[in-house]
Amino acid sequence: MAAPGGHKETTMADEKTNPIEATVKEALDMFRPQLQADGGDMEYISIDDQNRVHLRLTGACGSCPMATMTLKMGVERYLKDACPEVTEVIQEQ
């Protein structure tokens, strides 16, 4: 199933074929309190066939001018450390 932006959404059945999704979701849950401390949060959307994680920043993070830096230097770095198979984190609108 194609989602907006042209990436493939991952479903529960896909989690069995994409074992890194569980690791990604666990790492995001570990990182989430850092965003929530500043009034923000993130929404996991999917992981595509190229192991790019698609997220949506919400709350204060959604409109923050530093959101891109937070995403790349914070979330992406953390995810790549936790799950080296992740190639990139992409912010969805």
N, C-alpha and C. Protein backbone atom coordinates (compact mmCIF):
# COMPACT_ATOMS: atom_id res chain seq x y z
N MET A 1 0.85 -1.17 0.00
CA MET A 1 0.00 0.00 0.00
C MET A 1 0.89 1.23 0.00
N ALA A 2 0.66 2.15 -0.90
CA ALA A 2 1.47 3.37 -0.98
C ALA A 2 0.83 4.46 -0.13
N ALA A 3 1.65 5.15 0.60
CA ALA A 3 1.20 6.25 1.45
C ALA A 3 1.57 7.56 0.77
N PRO A 4 1.03 8.68 1.26
CA PRO A 4 1.42 9.97 0.70
C PRO A 4 2.93 10.11 0.72
N GLY A 5 3.48 10.65 -0.34
CA GLY A 5 4.92 10.80 -0.43
C GLY A 5 5.57 9.65 -1.18
N GLY A 6 4.77 8.62 -1.53
CA GLY A 6 5.28 7.55 -2.35
C GLY A 6 6.00 6.44 -1.62
N HIS A 7 6.06 6.47 -0.30
CA HIS A 7 6.72 5.37 0.40
C HIS A 7 5.71 4.33 0.81
N LYS A 8 6.21 3.13 1.02
CA LYS A 8 5.33 2.02 1.37
C LYS A 8 5.09 2.03 2.87
N GLU A 9 3.83 2.02 3.25
CA GLU A 9 3.50 1.94 4.67
C GLU A 9 3.75 0.53 5.15
N THR A 10 4.20 0.42 6.39
CA THR A 10 4.46 -0.88 6.98
C THR A 10 3.26 -1.26 7.83
N THR A 11 2.78 -2.46 7.65
CA THR A 11 1.64 -2.95 8.42
C THR A 11 2.12 -3.97 9.43
N MET A 12 1.20 -4.44 10.27
CA MET A 12 1.55 -5.45 11.27
C MET A 12 2.15 -6.68 10.61
N ALA A 13 1.61 -7.11 9.48
CA ALA A 13 2.14 -8.28 8.79
C ALA A 13 3.57 -8.02 8.31
N ASP A 14 3.86 -6.77 7.91
CA ASP A 14 5.20 -6.44 7.43
C ASP A 14 6.23 -6.47 8.55
N GLU A 15 5.80 -6.25 9.81
CA GLU A 15 6.75 -6.26 10.91
C GLU A 15 7.48 -7.59 10.98
N LYS A 16 6.83 -8.67 10.56
CA LYS A 16 7.48 -9.97 10.57
C LYS A 16 8.54 -10.04 9.47
N THR A 17 8.33 -9.33 8.37
CA THR A 17 9.29 -9.36 7.28
C THR A 17 10.32 -8.23 7.41
N ASN A 18 10.05 -7.25 8.23
CA ASN A 18 10.99 -6.16 8.46
C ASN A 18 11.33 -6.11 9.95
N PRO A 19 12.29 -6.92 10.37
CA PRO A 19 12.58 -7.04 11.80
C PRO A 19 13.12 -5.77 12.45
N ILE A 20 13.60 -4.82 11.66
CA ILE A 20 14.15 -3.62 12.29
C ILE A 20 13.05 -2.67 12.76
N GLU A 21 11.82 -2.86 12.28
CA GLU A 21 10.76 -1.93 12.68
C GLU A 21 10.53 -1.94 14.19
N ALA A 22 10.56 -3.10 14.81
CA ALA A 22 10.38 -3.18 16.26
C ALA A 22 11.50 -2.44 16.98
N THR A 23 12.73 -2.58 16.49
CA THR A 23 13.87 -1.88 17.10
C THR A 23 13.72 -0.38 16.94
N VAL A 24 13.27 0.06 15.76
CA VAL A 24 13.06 1.49 15.49
C VAL A 24 12.01 2.05 16.43
N LYS A 25 10.88 1.36 16.55
CA LYS A 25 9.80 1.85 17.42
C LYS A 25 10.25 1.91 18.88
N GLU A 26 11.02 0.94 19.31
CA GLU A 26 11.52 0.94 20.69
C GLU A 26 12.47 2.11 20.91
N ALA A 27 13.35 2.36 19.95
CA ALA A 27 14.29 3.49 20.06
C ALA A 27 13.54 4.82 20.07
N LEU A 28 12.52 4.95 19.24
CA LEU A 28 11.72 6.18 19.22
C LEU A 28 11.04 6.40 20.57
N ASP A 29 10.54 5.34 21.17
CA ASP A 29 9.91 5.46 22.49
C ASP A 29 10.92 5.89 23.56
N MET A 30 12.18 5.47 23.40
CA MET A 30 13.22 5.88 24.35
C MET A 30 13.59 7.36 24.15
N PHE A 31 13.54 7.85 22.92
CA PHE A 31 13.90 9.23 22.62
C PHE A 31 12.77 10.20 22.90
N ARG A 32 11.54 9.72 22.79
CA ARG A 32 10.34 10.56 22.88
C ARG A 32 10.32 11.51 24.10
N PRO A 33 10.71 11.08 25.32
CA PRO A 33 10.66 12.00 26.47
C PRO A 33 11.48 13.27 26.28
N GLN A 34 12.54 13.21 25.49
CA GLN A 34 13.34 14.41 25.25
C GLN A 34 12.54 15.45 24.46
N LEU A 35 11.72 15.00 23.54
CA LEU A 35 10.86 15.92 22.80
C LEU A 35 9.72 16.42 23.67
N GLN A 36 9.14 15.51 24.44
CA GLN A 36 8.00 15.86 25.29
C GLN A 36 8.39 16.86 26.37
N ALA A 37 9.63 16.85 26.79
CA ALA A 37 10.10 17.80 27.81
C ALA A 37 10.00 19.24 27.31
N ASP A 38 10.04 19.42 25.99
CA ASP A 38 9.92 20.76 25.39
C ASP A 38 8.56 20.99 24.75
N GLY A 39 7.59 20.14 25.07
CA GLY A 39 6.23 20.33 24.56
C GLY A 39 5.99 19.75 23.18
N GLY A 40 6.88 18.92 22.72
CA GLY A 40 6.73 18.32 21.39
C GLY A 40 6.55 16.82 21.47
N ASP A 41 6.48 16.21 20.33
CA ASP A 41 6.37 14.76 20.24
C ASP A 41 6.63 14.38 18.80
N MET A 42 6.58 13.09 18.51
CA MET A 42 6.75 12.61 17.14
C MET A 42 5.80 11.46 16.90
N GLU A 43 5.43 11.32 15.66
CA GLU A 43 4.51 10.26 15.25
C GLU A 43 5.24 9.40 14.23
N TYR A 44 5.37 8.11 14.52
CA TYR A 44 5.96 7.17 13.58
C TYR A 44 4.96 6.94 12.45
N ILE A 45 5.42 7.05 11.22
CA ILE A 45 4.56 6.82 10.07
C ILE A 45 4.89 5.48 9.43
N SER A 46 6.15 5.30 9.05
CA SER A 46 6.51 4.04 8.39
C SER A 46 8.02 3.94 8.24
N ILE A 47 8.43 2.77 7.79
CA ILE A 47 9.81 2.57 7.34
C ILE A 47 9.70 2.01 5.94
N ASP A 48 10.45 2.57 5.01
CA ASP A 48 10.30 2.14 3.62
C ASP A 48 11.33 1.07 3.26
N ASP A 49 11.31 0.68 2.00
CA ASP A 49 12.16 -0.41 1.51
C ASP A 49 13.65 -0.06 1.56
N GLN A 50 13.97 1.22 1.67
CA GLN A 50 15.37 1.66 1.75
C GLN A 50 15.78 1.93 3.19
N ASN A 51 14.97 1.45 4.14
CA ASN A 51 15.20 1.62 5.58
C ASN A 51 15.27 3.09 5.99
N ARG A 52 14.48 3.91 5.31
CA ARG A 52 14.30 5.31 5.72
C ARG A 52 13.07 5.37 6.61
N VAL A 53 13.24 5.98 7.77
CA VAL A 53 12.15 6.09 8.74
C VAL A 53 11.42 7.40 8.48
N HIS A 54 10.10 7.32 8.33
CA HIS A 54 9.27 8.49 8.08
C HIS A 54 8.54 8.85 9.37
N LEU A 55 8.74 10.09 9.82
CA LEU A 55 8.16 10.59 11.07
C LEU A 55 7.45 11.91 10.83
N ARG A 56 6.57 12.25 11.75
CA ARG A 56 5.94 13.56 11.78
C ARG A 56 6.20 14.14 13.15
N LEU A 57 6.82 15.31 13.20
CA LEU A 57 7.00 16.01 14.47
C LEU A 57 5.72 16.75 14.79
N THR A 58 5.28 16.66 16.04
CA THR A 58 4.01 17.26 16.45
C THR A 58 4.21 18.17 17.66
N GLY A 59 3.15 18.84 18.05
CA GLY A 59 3.21 19.74 19.20
C GLY A 59 4.16 20.89 18.90
N ALA A 60 4.90 21.30 19.90
CA ALA A 60 5.84 22.42 19.74
C ALA A 60 6.89 22.12 18.67
N CYS A 61 7.24 20.85 18.51
CA CYS A 61 8.25 20.47 17.51
C CYS A 61 7.76 20.67 16.08
N GLY A 62 6.47 20.56 15.87
CA GLY A 62 5.92 20.68 14.53
C GLY A 62 6.10 22.06 13.93
N SER A 63 6.14 23.08 14.76
CA SER A 63 6.27 24.44 14.25
C SER A 63 7.59 25.11 14.64
N CYS A 64 8.47 24.37 15.25
CA CYS A 64 9.75 24.92 15.71
C CYS A 64 10.71 25.12 14.55
N PRO A 65 11.38 26.27 14.49
CA PRO A 65 12.35 26.49 13.41
C PRO A 65 13.56 25.56 13.50
N MET A 66 13.77 24.94 14.64
CA MET A 66 14.90 24.02 14.82
C MET A 66 14.49 22.57 14.57
N ALA A 67 13.30 22.34 14.07
CA ALA A 67 12.78 20.97 13.90
C ALA A 67 13.69 20.12 13.01
N THR A 68 14.19 20.67 11.93
CA THR A 68 15.04 19.90 11.03
C THR A 68 16.32 19.46 11.73
N MET A 69 16.90 20.37 12.50
CA MET A 69 18.11 20.02 13.24
C MET A 69 17.80 18.96 14.30
N THR A 70 16.69 19.12 14.99
CA THR A 70 16.28 18.12 15.99
C THR A 70 16.12 16.76 15.33
N LEU A 71 15.50 16.76 14.17
CA LEU A 71 15.26 15.50 13.48
C LEU A 71 16.57 14.85 13.04
N LYS A 72 17.44 15.61 12.42
CA LYS A 72 18.68 15.04 11.87
C LYS A 72 19.74 14.78 12.93
N MET A 73 19.98 15.77 13.78
CA MET A 73 21.07 15.65 14.77
C MET A 73 20.63 14.91 16.03
N GLY A 74 19.35 14.86 16.27
CA GLY A 74 18.85 14.18 17.46
C GLY A 74 18.26 12.83 17.15
N VAL A 75 17.09 12.83 16.54
CA VAL A 75 16.35 11.59 16.30
C VAL A 75 17.12 10.67 15.35
N GLU A 76 17.59 11.19 14.22
CA GLU A 76 18.28 10.34 13.25
C GLU A 76 19.55 9.74 13.85
N ARG A 77 20.33 10.54 14.52
CA ARG A 77 21.57 10.04 15.13
C ARG A 77 21.25 8.95 16.16
N TYR A 78 20.25 9.18 16.98
CA TYR A 78 19.86 8.21 18.01
C TYR A 78 19.39 6.91 17.35
N LEU A 79 18.56 7.02 16.32
CA LEU A 79 18.06 5.83 15.64
C LEU A 79 19.18 5.05 14.97
N LYS A 80 20.11 5.74 14.33
CA LYS A 80 21.21 5.05 13.66
C LYS A 80 22.12 4.34 14.67
N ASP A 81 22.27 4.90 15.85
CA ASP A 81 23.04 4.23 16.90
C ASP A 81 22.31 2.98 17.38
N ALA A 82 21.00 3.10 17.57
CA ALA A 82 20.20 1.98 18.07
C ALA A 82 19.97 0.91 17.00
N CYS A 83 19.90 1.34 15.76
CA CYS A 83 19.57 0.43 14.66
C CYS A 83 20.37 0.86 13.42
N PRO A 84 21.59 0.36 13.28
CA PRO A 84 22.47 0.81 12.19
C PRO A 84 21.90 0.60 10.78
N GLU A 85 20.88 -0.23 10.65
CA GLU A 85 20.28 -0.45 9.33
C GLU A 85 19.51 0.77 8.83
N VAL A 86 19.12 1.65 9.74
CA VAL A 86 18.39 2.87 9.35
C VAL A 86 19.33 3.75 8.52
N THR A 87 18.85 4.16 7.35
CA THR A 87 19.69 4.99 6.46
C THR A 87 19.42 6.48 6.60
N GLU A 88 18.18 6.84 6.99
CA GLU A 88 17.81 8.25 7.06
C GLU A 88 16.48 8.38 7.79
N VAL A 89 16.28 9.56 8.37
CA VAL A 89 14.97 9.88 8.96
C VAL A 89 14.40 11.03 8.13
N ILE A 90 13.17 10.86 7.69
CA ILE A 90 12.53 11.85 6.83
C ILE A 90 11.31 12.41 7.56
N GLN A 91 11.23 13.73 7.58
CA GLN A 91 10.10 14.39 8.22
C GLN A 91 8.95 14.53 7.24
N GLU A 92 7.80 14.02 7.63
CA GLU A 92 6.59 14.17 6.83
C GLU A 92 5.79 15.33 7.39
N GLN A 93 4.99 15.95 6.56
CA GLN A 93 4.18 17.09 7.00
C GLN A 93 2.84 16.66 7.51
